[in-house]
N, C-alpha and C. Protein backbone atom coordinates (compact mmCIF):
# COMPACT_ATOMS: atom_id res chain seq x y z
N ARG A 1 38.10 117.39 -105.45
CA ARG A 1 38.82 118.15 -106.46
C ARG A 1 39.46 117.26 -107.50
N SER A 2 39.70 116.00 -107.16
CA SER A 2 40.14 115.06 -108.18
C SER A 2 39.38 113.75 -107.98
N GLN A 3 39.23 113.05 -109.08
CA GLN A 3 38.49 111.80 -109.02
C GLN A 3 39.16 110.83 -110.00
N VAL A 4 39.48 109.66 -109.49
CA VAL A 4 40.02 108.59 -110.32
C VAL A 4 39.19 107.36 -110.03
N GLU A 5 38.67 106.77 -111.09
CA GLU A 5 37.87 105.57 -110.89
C GLU A 5 37.99 104.66 -112.10
N VAL A 6 37.71 103.41 -111.87
CA VAL A 6 37.64 102.45 -112.96
C VAL A 6 36.17 102.30 -113.31
N VAL A 7 35.86 102.54 -114.58
CA VAL A 7 34.48 102.44 -115.04
C VAL A 7 34.43 101.50 -116.24
N LYS A 8 33.25 101.00 -116.51
CA LYS A 8 33.08 100.14 -117.68
C LYS A 8 32.51 100.97 -118.82
N GLU A 9 33.21 100.91 -119.95
CA GLU A 9 32.75 101.64 -121.14
C GLU A 9 33.06 100.78 -122.36
N ASP A 10 32.10 100.66 -123.25
CA ASP A 10 32.28 99.85 -124.46
C ASP A 10 32.78 98.44 -124.13
N ASN A 11 32.19 97.84 -123.09
CA ASN A 11 32.53 96.47 -122.67
C ASN A 11 33.97 96.28 -122.24
N ARG A 12 34.61 97.33 -121.74
CA ARG A 12 35.96 97.20 -121.19
C ARG A 12 36.08 98.12 -119.99
N PHE A 13 37.01 97.80 -119.12
CA PHE A 13 37.26 98.63 -117.96
C PHE A 13 38.33 99.67 -118.31
N VAL A 14 38.08 100.93 -117.93
CA VAL A 14 38.97 102.04 -118.26
C VAL A 14 39.15 102.92 -117.02
N PHE A 15 40.25 103.66 -117.01
CA PHE A 15 40.44 104.67 -115.97
C PHE A 15 39.72 105.94 -116.40
N ARG A 16 38.93 106.50 -115.50
CA ARG A 16 38.31 107.81 -115.70
C ARG A 16 39.01 108.77 -114.75
N LEU A 17 39.59 109.83 -115.30
CA LEU A 17 40.32 110.82 -114.51
C LEU A 17 39.60 112.16 -114.61
N VAL A 18 39.33 112.77 -113.48
CA VAL A 18 38.68 114.08 -113.44
C VAL A 18 39.45 114.95 -112.45
N SER A 19 39.75 116.18 -112.87
CA SER A 19 40.39 117.11 -111.94
C SER A 19 39.68 118.46 -112.01
N GLN A 20 39.59 119.08 -110.84
CA GLN A 20 39.06 120.44 -110.75
C GLN A 20 40.06 121.25 -109.94
N ARG A 21 40.84 122.06 -110.66
CA ARG A 21 41.86 122.92 -110.04
C ARG A 21 42.92 122.12 -109.28
N THR A 22 43.25 120.93 -109.76
CA THR A 22 44.24 120.09 -109.09
C THR A 22 44.93 119.22 -110.12
N SER A 23 45.86 118.41 -109.65
CA SER A 23 46.50 117.41 -110.51
C SER A 23 46.60 116.11 -109.72
N PHE A 24 46.66 115.02 -110.45
CA PHE A 24 46.70 113.72 -109.81
C PHE A 24 47.36 112.72 -110.74
N ALA A 25 48.17 111.84 -110.17
CA ALA A 25 48.83 110.79 -110.98
C ALA A 25 48.67 109.45 -110.30
N LEU A 26 48.53 108.42 -111.11
CA LEU A 26 48.55 107.03 -110.65
C LEU A 26 49.81 106.40 -111.19
N TYR A 27 50.60 105.79 -110.30
CA TYR A 27 51.86 105.15 -110.69
C TYR A 27 51.75 103.65 -110.52
N ARG A 28 52.43 102.93 -111.39
CA ARG A 28 52.50 101.47 -111.29
C ARG A 28 53.96 101.07 -111.48
N HIS A 29 54.49 100.29 -110.53
CA HIS A 29 55.83 99.75 -110.69
C HIS A 29 55.82 98.70 -111.78
N VAL A 30 56.81 98.75 -112.66
CA VAL A 30 56.99 97.76 -113.72
C VAL A 30 58.49 97.47 -113.83
N ALA A 31 58.82 96.40 -114.50
CA ALA A 31 60.21 96.09 -114.81
C ALA A 31 60.24 95.70 -116.28
N VAL A 32 60.59 96.67 -117.13
CA VAL A 32 60.54 96.46 -118.57
C VAL A 32 61.88 96.85 -119.18
N ASN A 33 62.44 95.96 -119.98
CA ASN A 33 63.63 96.26 -120.74
C ASN A 33 63.17 96.88 -122.06
N PRO A 34 63.43 98.18 -122.29
CA PRO A 34 62.91 98.82 -123.50
C PRO A 34 63.57 98.34 -124.79
N LYS A 35 64.70 97.67 -124.69
CA LYS A 35 65.28 97.06 -125.89
C LYS A 35 64.47 95.85 -126.31
N GLU A 36 63.99 95.10 -125.33
CA GLU A 36 63.22 93.89 -125.61
C GLU A 36 61.74 94.20 -125.89
N PHE A 37 61.19 95.18 -125.16
CA PHE A 37 59.78 95.57 -125.31
C PHE A 37 59.72 97.08 -125.58
N PRO A 38 60.07 97.51 -126.79
CA PRO A 38 60.18 98.95 -127.06
C PRO A 38 58.85 99.66 -127.31
N ILE A 39 57.82 98.94 -127.64
CA ILE A 39 56.57 99.56 -128.08
C ILE A 39 55.59 99.69 -126.91
N LEU A 40 55.10 100.90 -126.70
CA LEU A 40 54.05 101.15 -125.71
C LEU A 40 52.80 101.58 -126.47
N THR A 41 51.70 100.89 -126.20
CA THR A 41 50.42 101.26 -126.81
C THR A 41 49.40 101.54 -125.72
N TRP A 42 48.44 102.39 -126.04
CA TRP A 42 47.31 102.67 -125.16
C TRP A 42 46.26 103.39 -125.97
N ALA A 43 45.09 103.54 -125.36
CA ALA A 43 44.02 104.35 -125.96
C ALA A 43 43.59 105.37 -124.91
N TRP A 44 43.22 106.55 -125.40
CA TRP A 44 42.75 107.60 -124.50
C TRP A 44 41.73 108.47 -125.22
N LYS A 45 40.95 109.16 -124.42
CA LYS A 45 40.07 110.19 -124.96
C LYS A 45 39.95 111.29 -123.93
N ALA A 46 39.83 112.51 -124.42
CA ALA A 46 39.68 113.67 -123.55
C ALA A 46 38.28 114.24 -123.76
N LEU A 47 37.57 114.42 -122.66
CA LEU A 47 36.24 115.03 -122.74
C LEU A 47 36.28 116.52 -122.41
N THR A 48 37.13 116.89 -121.44
CA THR A 48 37.25 118.29 -121.05
C THR A 48 38.72 118.64 -120.97
N LEU A 49 39.14 119.64 -121.74
CA LEU A 49 40.52 120.11 -121.69
C LEU A 49 40.65 121.27 -120.71
N PRO A 50 41.79 121.39 -120.01
CA PRO A 50 41.98 122.53 -119.12
C PRO A 50 41.92 123.84 -119.92
N ALA A 51 41.06 124.73 -119.53
CA ALA A 51 40.89 126.01 -120.25
C ALA A 51 42.20 126.79 -120.24
N GLY A 52 42.73 127.06 -121.43
CA GLY A 52 43.96 127.83 -121.55
C GLY A 52 45.23 127.05 -121.27
N GLY A 53 45.13 125.74 -121.08
CA GLY A 53 46.32 124.93 -120.80
C GLY A 53 47.31 124.98 -121.96
N ASP A 54 48.60 125.08 -121.63
CA ASP A 54 49.65 125.11 -122.64
C ASP A 54 50.97 124.69 -122.00
N VAL A 55 51.47 123.54 -122.40
CA VAL A 55 52.71 123.00 -121.83
C VAL A 55 53.89 123.93 -122.02
N ARG A 56 53.82 124.85 -122.95
CA ARG A 56 54.92 125.76 -123.24
C ARG A 56 55.02 126.93 -122.27
N GLU A 57 54.02 127.11 -121.39
CA GLU A 57 54.02 128.22 -120.44
C GLU A 57 53.85 127.68 -119.02
N ARG A 58 54.82 127.96 -118.18
CA ARG A 58 54.84 127.40 -116.82
C ARG A 58 53.54 127.67 -116.05
N GLY A 59 52.99 128.82 -116.14
CA GLY A 59 51.78 129.17 -115.41
C GLY A 59 50.50 128.58 -115.99
N ARG A 60 50.62 127.90 -117.15
CA ARG A 60 49.43 127.29 -117.78
C ARG A 60 49.70 125.83 -118.15
N ASP A 61 50.67 125.21 -117.50
CA ASP A 61 51.14 123.86 -117.82
C ASP A 61 50.18 122.80 -117.29
N ASP A 62 49.03 122.68 -117.94
CA ASP A 62 48.01 121.68 -117.58
C ASP A 62 47.61 120.88 -118.80
N GLN A 63 47.35 119.59 -118.61
CA GLN A 63 46.92 118.72 -119.70
C GLN A 63 45.78 117.81 -119.24
N ALA A 64 44.92 117.48 -120.18
CA ALA A 64 43.79 116.60 -119.89
C ALA A 64 44.24 115.17 -119.65
N ALA A 65 45.29 114.74 -120.34
CA ALA A 65 45.76 113.36 -120.19
C ALA A 65 47.26 113.31 -120.43
N GLN A 66 47.92 112.51 -119.60
CA GLN A 66 49.36 112.33 -119.71
C GLN A 66 49.69 110.87 -119.39
N VAL A 67 50.65 110.33 -120.13
CA VAL A 67 51.19 109.00 -119.84
C VAL A 67 52.69 109.19 -119.67
N TYR A 68 53.22 108.78 -118.51
CA TYR A 68 54.63 108.94 -118.21
C TYR A 68 55.33 107.59 -118.11
N VAL A 69 56.50 107.50 -118.73
CA VAL A 69 57.36 106.33 -118.63
C VAL A 69 58.59 106.77 -117.84
N ILE A 70 58.85 106.09 -116.72
CA ILE A 70 59.88 106.53 -115.78
C ILE A 70 61.03 105.52 -115.77
N PHE A 71 62.24 106.04 -115.96
CA PHE A 71 63.47 105.25 -115.98
C PHE A 71 64.25 105.60 -114.72
N PRO A 72 64.09 104.82 -113.64
CA PRO A 72 64.74 105.19 -112.36
C PRO A 72 66.26 105.12 -112.43
N LYS A 73 66.88 106.08 -111.76
CA LYS A 73 68.33 106.10 -111.60
C LYS A 73 68.62 106.16 -110.10
N TRP A 74 69.54 105.36 -109.67
CA TRP A 74 69.88 105.27 -108.25
C TRP A 74 71.13 106.08 -107.99
N PRO A 75 71.35 106.61 -106.80
CA PRO A 75 70.67 106.27 -105.56
C PRO A 75 69.45 107.13 -105.24
N PHE A 76 69.12 108.11 -106.04
CA PHE A 76 68.00 109.00 -105.72
C PHE A 76 67.00 109.02 -106.87
N PRO A 77 66.20 107.95 -107.03
CA PRO A 77 65.32 107.87 -108.21
C PRO A 77 64.28 108.97 -108.31
N LYS A 78 63.84 109.54 -107.19
CA LYS A 78 62.83 110.60 -107.27
C LYS A 78 63.40 111.86 -107.90
N VAL A 79 64.70 112.06 -107.80
CA VAL A 79 65.35 113.26 -108.33
C VAL A 79 66.08 112.97 -109.63
N ASN A 80 66.71 111.81 -109.73
CA ASN A 80 67.60 111.51 -110.84
C ASN A 80 66.97 110.78 -112.01
N SER A 81 65.77 110.30 -111.88
CA SER A 81 65.16 109.49 -112.93
C SER A 81 64.92 110.30 -114.20
N ASP A 82 65.10 109.62 -115.34
CA ASP A 82 64.70 110.20 -116.62
C ASP A 82 63.24 109.83 -116.86
N VAL A 83 62.49 110.75 -117.44
CA VAL A 83 61.05 110.54 -117.64
C VAL A 83 60.66 111.02 -119.03
N ILE A 84 59.85 110.21 -119.72
CA ILE A 84 59.23 110.64 -120.97
C ILE A 84 57.74 110.79 -120.69
N GLY A 85 57.20 111.95 -121.03
CA GLY A 85 55.77 112.21 -120.87
C GLY A 85 55.11 112.39 -122.23
N TYR A 86 54.09 111.58 -122.48
CA TYR A 86 53.28 111.71 -123.69
C TYR A 86 52.00 112.42 -123.28
N ILE A 87 51.68 113.54 -123.95
CA ILE A 87 50.61 114.38 -123.43
C ILE A 87 49.56 114.73 -124.48
N TRP A 88 48.37 115.02 -123.96
CA TRP A 88 47.26 115.59 -124.73
C TRP A 88 47.10 117.00 -124.20
N ASP A 89 47.61 117.96 -124.94
CA ASP A 89 47.63 119.36 -124.50
C ASP A 89 46.42 120.11 -125.06
N SER A 90 46.13 121.25 -124.49
CA SER A 90 45.02 122.08 -124.98
C SER A 90 45.41 122.89 -126.21
N GLN A 91 46.70 123.35 -126.28
CA GLN A 91 47.08 124.28 -127.34
C GLN A 91 48.40 123.98 -128.05
N ALA A 92 49.36 123.36 -127.39
CA ALA A 92 50.68 123.14 -128.00
C ALA A 92 50.54 122.24 -129.23
N PRO A 93 51.35 122.46 -130.25
CA PRO A 93 51.19 121.70 -131.50
C PRO A 93 51.60 120.23 -131.36
N VAL A 94 50.85 119.38 -132.05
CA VAL A 94 51.17 117.95 -132.12
C VAL A 94 52.58 117.81 -132.69
N GLY A 95 53.37 116.93 -132.08
CA GLY A 95 54.74 116.70 -132.53
C GLY A 95 55.78 117.48 -131.74
N LEU A 96 55.35 118.47 -130.95
CA LEU A 96 56.29 119.23 -130.14
C LEU A 96 57.00 118.30 -129.17
N LYS A 97 58.33 118.41 -129.11
CA LYS A 97 59.15 117.68 -128.14
C LYS A 97 59.95 118.71 -127.38
N MET A 98 59.88 118.65 -126.05
CA MET A 98 60.55 119.66 -125.24
C MET A 98 60.84 119.14 -123.85
N ALA A 99 61.76 119.81 -123.16
CA ALA A 99 61.99 119.53 -121.75
C ALA A 99 60.86 120.18 -120.96
N SER A 100 60.43 119.52 -119.92
CA SER A 100 59.40 120.09 -119.05
C SER A 100 59.90 121.38 -118.43
N LEU A 101 59.02 122.35 -118.31
CA LEU A 101 59.36 123.61 -117.64
C LEU A 101 59.44 123.41 -116.13
N GLN A 102 58.88 122.31 -115.63
CA GLN A 102 58.87 122.02 -114.20
C GLN A 102 60.14 121.27 -113.77
N SER A 103 60.69 120.42 -114.67
CA SER A 103 61.82 119.58 -114.30
C SER A 103 62.60 119.18 -115.55
N GLY A 104 63.88 119.47 -115.58
CA GLY A 104 64.71 119.21 -116.74
C GLY A 104 64.91 117.75 -117.08
N ASN A 105 64.69 116.84 -116.12
CA ASN A 105 64.85 115.41 -116.39
C ASN A 105 63.60 114.80 -117.03
N VAL A 106 62.58 115.61 -117.27
CA VAL A 106 61.34 115.15 -117.89
C VAL A 106 61.27 115.72 -119.31
N LYS A 107 61.18 114.83 -120.29
CA LYS A 107 61.04 115.23 -121.69
C LYS A 107 59.62 114.92 -122.13
N LEU A 108 58.99 115.86 -122.82
CA LEU A 108 57.58 115.76 -123.19
C LEU A 108 57.41 115.66 -124.69
N VAL A 109 56.40 114.89 -125.09
CA VAL A 109 56.03 114.75 -126.49
C VAL A 109 54.52 114.99 -126.58
N VAL A 110 54.12 115.99 -127.36
CA VAL A 110 52.70 116.28 -127.54
C VAL A 110 52.16 115.35 -128.63
N LEU A 111 51.25 114.45 -128.25
CA LEU A 111 50.66 113.52 -129.21
C LEU A 111 49.31 113.99 -129.73
N GLN A 112 48.57 114.68 -128.88
CA GLN A 112 47.26 115.22 -129.27
C GLN A 112 47.17 116.64 -128.74
N SER A 113 46.37 117.46 -129.43
CA SER A 113 46.22 118.84 -129.01
C SER A 113 44.82 119.34 -129.35
N GLY A 114 44.26 120.08 -128.43
CA GLY A 114 42.95 120.68 -128.65
C GLY A 114 41.83 119.67 -128.57
N GLY A 115 40.63 120.18 -128.80
CA GLY A 115 39.43 119.37 -128.65
C GLY A 115 38.89 118.75 -129.92
N GLY A 116 39.61 118.88 -131.03
CA GLY A 116 39.12 118.36 -132.31
C GLY A 116 38.82 116.87 -132.29
N LYS A 117 39.57 116.11 -131.50
CA LYS A 117 39.34 114.68 -131.39
C LYS A 117 38.72 114.31 -130.04
N GLY A 118 38.30 115.33 -129.31
CA GLY A 118 37.72 115.11 -128.00
C GLY A 118 36.49 114.22 -128.05
N GLY A 119 36.35 113.39 -127.02
CA GLY A 119 35.20 112.52 -126.93
C GLY A 119 35.31 111.24 -127.75
N ARG A 120 36.43 111.08 -128.48
CA ARG A 120 36.66 109.86 -129.27
C ARG A 120 37.89 109.14 -128.75
N TRP A 121 37.84 107.81 -128.78
CA TRP A 121 39.01 107.03 -128.40
C TRP A 121 40.08 107.17 -129.48
N ILE A 122 41.29 107.50 -129.05
CA ILE A 122 42.44 107.61 -129.94
C ILE A 122 43.45 106.55 -129.51
N GLN A 123 43.85 105.71 -130.45
CA GLN A 123 44.85 104.68 -130.17
C GLN A 123 46.24 105.28 -130.40
N GLU A 124 47.13 105.12 -129.43
CA GLU A 124 48.49 105.63 -129.54
C GLU A 124 49.48 104.46 -129.55
N GLU A 125 50.59 104.67 -130.24
CA GLU A 125 51.68 103.70 -130.27
C GLU A 125 52.99 104.45 -130.35
N ARG A 126 53.89 104.18 -129.40
CA ARG A 126 55.18 104.86 -129.37
C ARG A 126 56.29 103.83 -129.21
N ASN A 127 57.40 104.09 -129.86
CA ASN A 127 58.60 103.30 -129.66
C ASN A 127 59.38 104.02 -128.55
N VAL A 128 59.20 103.56 -127.33
CA VAL A 128 59.80 104.20 -126.16
C VAL A 128 61.33 104.16 -126.24
N TYR A 129 61.86 103.06 -126.75
CA TYR A 129 63.31 102.95 -126.91
C TYR A 129 63.83 104.07 -127.82
N GLN A 130 63.24 104.21 -129.00
CA GLN A 130 63.67 105.25 -129.94
C GLN A 130 63.45 106.65 -129.37
N ASP A 131 62.30 106.86 -128.71
CA ASP A 131 62.04 108.17 -128.12
C ASP A 131 63.09 108.52 -127.07
N TYR A 132 63.46 107.54 -126.22
CA TYR A 132 64.46 107.80 -125.19
C TYR A 132 65.80 108.20 -125.81
N VAL A 133 66.25 107.43 -126.80
CA VAL A 133 67.54 107.72 -127.45
C VAL A 133 67.50 109.12 -128.07
N GLU A 134 66.39 109.46 -128.73
CA GLU A 134 66.28 110.78 -129.35
C GLU A 134 66.24 111.90 -128.32
N LEU A 135 65.48 111.72 -127.26
CA LEU A 135 65.28 112.78 -126.28
C LEU A 135 66.44 112.95 -125.29
N PHE A 136 67.09 111.83 -124.93
CA PHE A 136 68.15 111.89 -123.92
C PHE A 136 69.55 111.66 -124.50
N GLY A 137 69.64 111.20 -125.75
CA GLY A 137 70.93 111.04 -126.40
C GLY A 137 71.78 109.90 -125.89
N LYS A 138 71.16 108.88 -125.34
CA LYS A 138 71.91 107.73 -124.82
C LYS A 138 70.99 106.51 -124.76
N GLU A 139 71.58 105.37 -124.48
CA GLU A 139 70.81 104.13 -124.34
C GLU A 139 69.95 104.20 -123.08
N PRO A 140 68.72 103.71 -123.14
CA PRO A 140 67.86 103.78 -121.96
C PRO A 140 68.14 102.67 -120.95
N PRO A 141 67.99 103.01 -119.67
CA PRO A 141 67.98 101.96 -118.64
C PRO A 141 66.61 101.27 -118.66
N LYS A 142 66.39 100.36 -117.75
CA LYS A 142 65.10 99.69 -117.67
C LYS A 142 64.01 100.67 -117.21
N VAL A 143 62.82 100.43 -117.70
CA VAL A 143 61.65 101.19 -117.23
C VAL A 143 61.30 100.64 -115.85
N GLY A 144 61.03 101.54 -114.90
CA GLY A 144 60.71 101.13 -113.54
C GLY A 144 59.30 101.48 -113.11
N LYS A 145 58.70 102.46 -113.78
CA LYS A 145 57.33 102.86 -113.44
C LYS A 145 56.64 103.38 -114.69
N ILE A 146 55.33 103.29 -114.66
CA ILE A 146 54.50 103.95 -115.66
C ILE A 146 53.42 104.70 -114.88
N ALA A 147 53.00 105.83 -115.41
CA ALA A 147 52.01 106.64 -114.70
C ALA A 147 51.02 107.24 -115.69
N VAL A 148 49.81 107.46 -115.20
CA VAL A 148 48.82 108.26 -115.92
C VAL A 148 48.50 109.45 -115.04
N MET A 149 48.24 110.59 -115.68
CA MET A 149 48.07 111.81 -114.91
C MET A 149 47.05 112.72 -115.58
N ILE A 150 46.42 113.54 -114.76
CA ILE A 150 45.54 114.61 -115.21
C ILE A 150 45.93 115.86 -114.43
N ASP A 151 45.80 117.04 -115.05
CA ASP A 151 46.39 118.23 -114.45
C ASP A 151 45.59 119.46 -114.87
N SER A 152 45.05 120.18 -113.87
CA SER A 152 44.34 121.43 -114.17
C SER A 152 44.53 122.47 -113.07
N ASN A 153 45.61 122.33 -112.29
CA ASN A 153 45.82 123.24 -111.16
C ASN A 153 46.34 124.61 -111.57
N ASP A 154 47.23 124.68 -112.58
CA ASP A 154 47.80 125.98 -112.96
C ASP A 154 46.75 126.91 -113.57
N THR A 155 45.87 126.34 -114.40
CA THR A 155 44.84 127.16 -115.05
C THR A 155 43.60 127.32 -114.16
N ARG A 156 43.59 126.63 -113.02
CA ARG A 156 42.46 126.69 -112.08
C ARG A 156 41.15 126.36 -112.80
N SER A 157 41.24 125.34 -113.66
CA SER A 157 40.07 124.93 -114.45
C SER A 157 39.77 123.46 -114.15
N SER A 158 39.11 122.79 -115.06
CA SER A 158 38.81 121.37 -114.87
C SER A 158 39.19 120.59 -116.12
N ALA A 159 39.33 119.29 -115.94
CA ALA A 159 39.68 118.40 -117.04
C ALA A 159 39.07 117.03 -116.78
N GLU A 160 38.82 116.30 -117.87
CA GLU A 160 38.32 114.93 -117.75
C GLU A 160 38.85 114.12 -118.93
N SER A 161 39.37 112.94 -118.61
CA SER A 161 39.88 112.05 -119.66
C SER A 161 39.73 110.60 -119.23
N TYR A 162 39.90 109.73 -120.22
CA TYR A 162 39.83 108.28 -120.02
C TYR A 162 41.06 107.65 -120.66
N ILE A 163 41.58 106.59 -120.02
CA ILE A 163 42.75 105.88 -120.54
C ILE A 163 42.56 104.39 -120.29
N HIS A 164 42.99 103.58 -121.26
CA HIS A 164 42.97 102.13 -121.03
C HIS A 164 44.06 101.43 -121.83
N ASP A 165 44.31 100.19 -121.43
CA ASP A 165 45.18 99.25 -122.14
C ASP A 165 46.59 99.77 -122.40
N LEU A 166 47.28 100.18 -121.35
CA LEU A 166 48.70 100.51 -121.49
C LEU A 166 49.47 99.20 -121.55
N ILE A 167 50.13 98.94 -122.69
CA ILE A 167 50.78 97.66 -122.91
C ILE A 167 52.15 97.88 -123.55
N PHE A 168 53.18 97.26 -122.97
CA PHE A 168 54.49 97.21 -123.61
C PHE A 168 54.54 95.95 -124.47
N ARG A 169 55.03 96.09 -125.72
CA ARG A 169 55.09 94.97 -126.64
C ARG A 169 56.47 94.89 -127.28
N LYS A 170 56.74 93.71 -127.84
CA LYS A 170 58.02 93.51 -128.51
C LYS A 170 58.10 94.25 -129.83
N ARG A 171 57.09 94.16 -130.62
CA ARG A 171 57.12 94.76 -131.96
C ARG A 171 55.78 95.41 -132.27
N SER A 172 55.84 96.39 -133.12
CA SER A 172 54.63 97.01 -133.66
C SER A 172 54.04 96.09 -134.71
N ALA A 173 52.72 96.07 -134.79
CA ALA A 173 52.06 95.28 -135.82
C ALA A 173 52.45 95.75 -137.21
N ALA A 174 52.72 97.04 -137.36
CA ALA A 174 53.08 97.61 -138.66
C ALA A 174 54.59 97.73 -138.84
N GLY A 175 55.35 97.27 -137.86
CA GLY A 175 56.82 97.39 -137.95
C GLY A 175 57.30 98.57 -137.14
N ASP A 176 58.53 98.52 -136.70
CA ASP A 176 59.08 99.56 -135.81
C ASP A 176 59.11 100.93 -136.46
N GLN A 177 59.20 101.03 -137.76
CA GLN A 177 59.26 102.33 -138.42
C GLN A 177 58.00 103.15 -138.17
N ALA A 178 56.85 102.46 -138.04
CA ALA A 178 55.59 103.16 -137.86
C ALA A 178 55.31 103.48 -136.40
N ALA A 179 56.21 103.13 -135.52
CA ALA A 179 55.93 103.25 -134.09
C ALA A 179 56.23 104.61 -133.51
N GLY A 180 56.31 105.62 -134.31
CA GLY A 180 56.46 106.98 -133.83
C GLY A 180 57.65 107.17 -132.92
N GLY A 181 58.72 107.60 -133.39
CA GLY A 181 59.87 107.74 -132.53
C GLY A 181 60.76 108.84 -132.95
């Protein structure tokens, strides 16, 4: 029902994520100071979007691709952590920023929507520091985890996406103003 694999495409290794009526996430522990390394870049493409998926409706909250930045808070990081989710939704408008309907400590930003760019690699760049301050209204703690996810369980459909090169950097090549925040 879910498949995660590393495949070679265009002379690089990428994650291929496939879900059929399920959801799956891969987490990686990191230790990143977002003041020092505020820029997160990656590339992704969606081949199959969850039919009828829409982050704005709890019963249809499925996305072809998601990148989560997790800011752990102790003593209960699984419950208390702040999370920013960058998503490729099926229907919600690009630029939408909202609290997750599943959990109030998760703030979502729709970066891509629909299939218009499906099947093509899209390069993303976000200023995680600026996004955190805007979404949570305070200075961010250190990043403790990063995750990639695919989700098609609510719509009972299928999804397929690819993601590669998640990198935290000190500065944007075009300057921090262009880093989407």
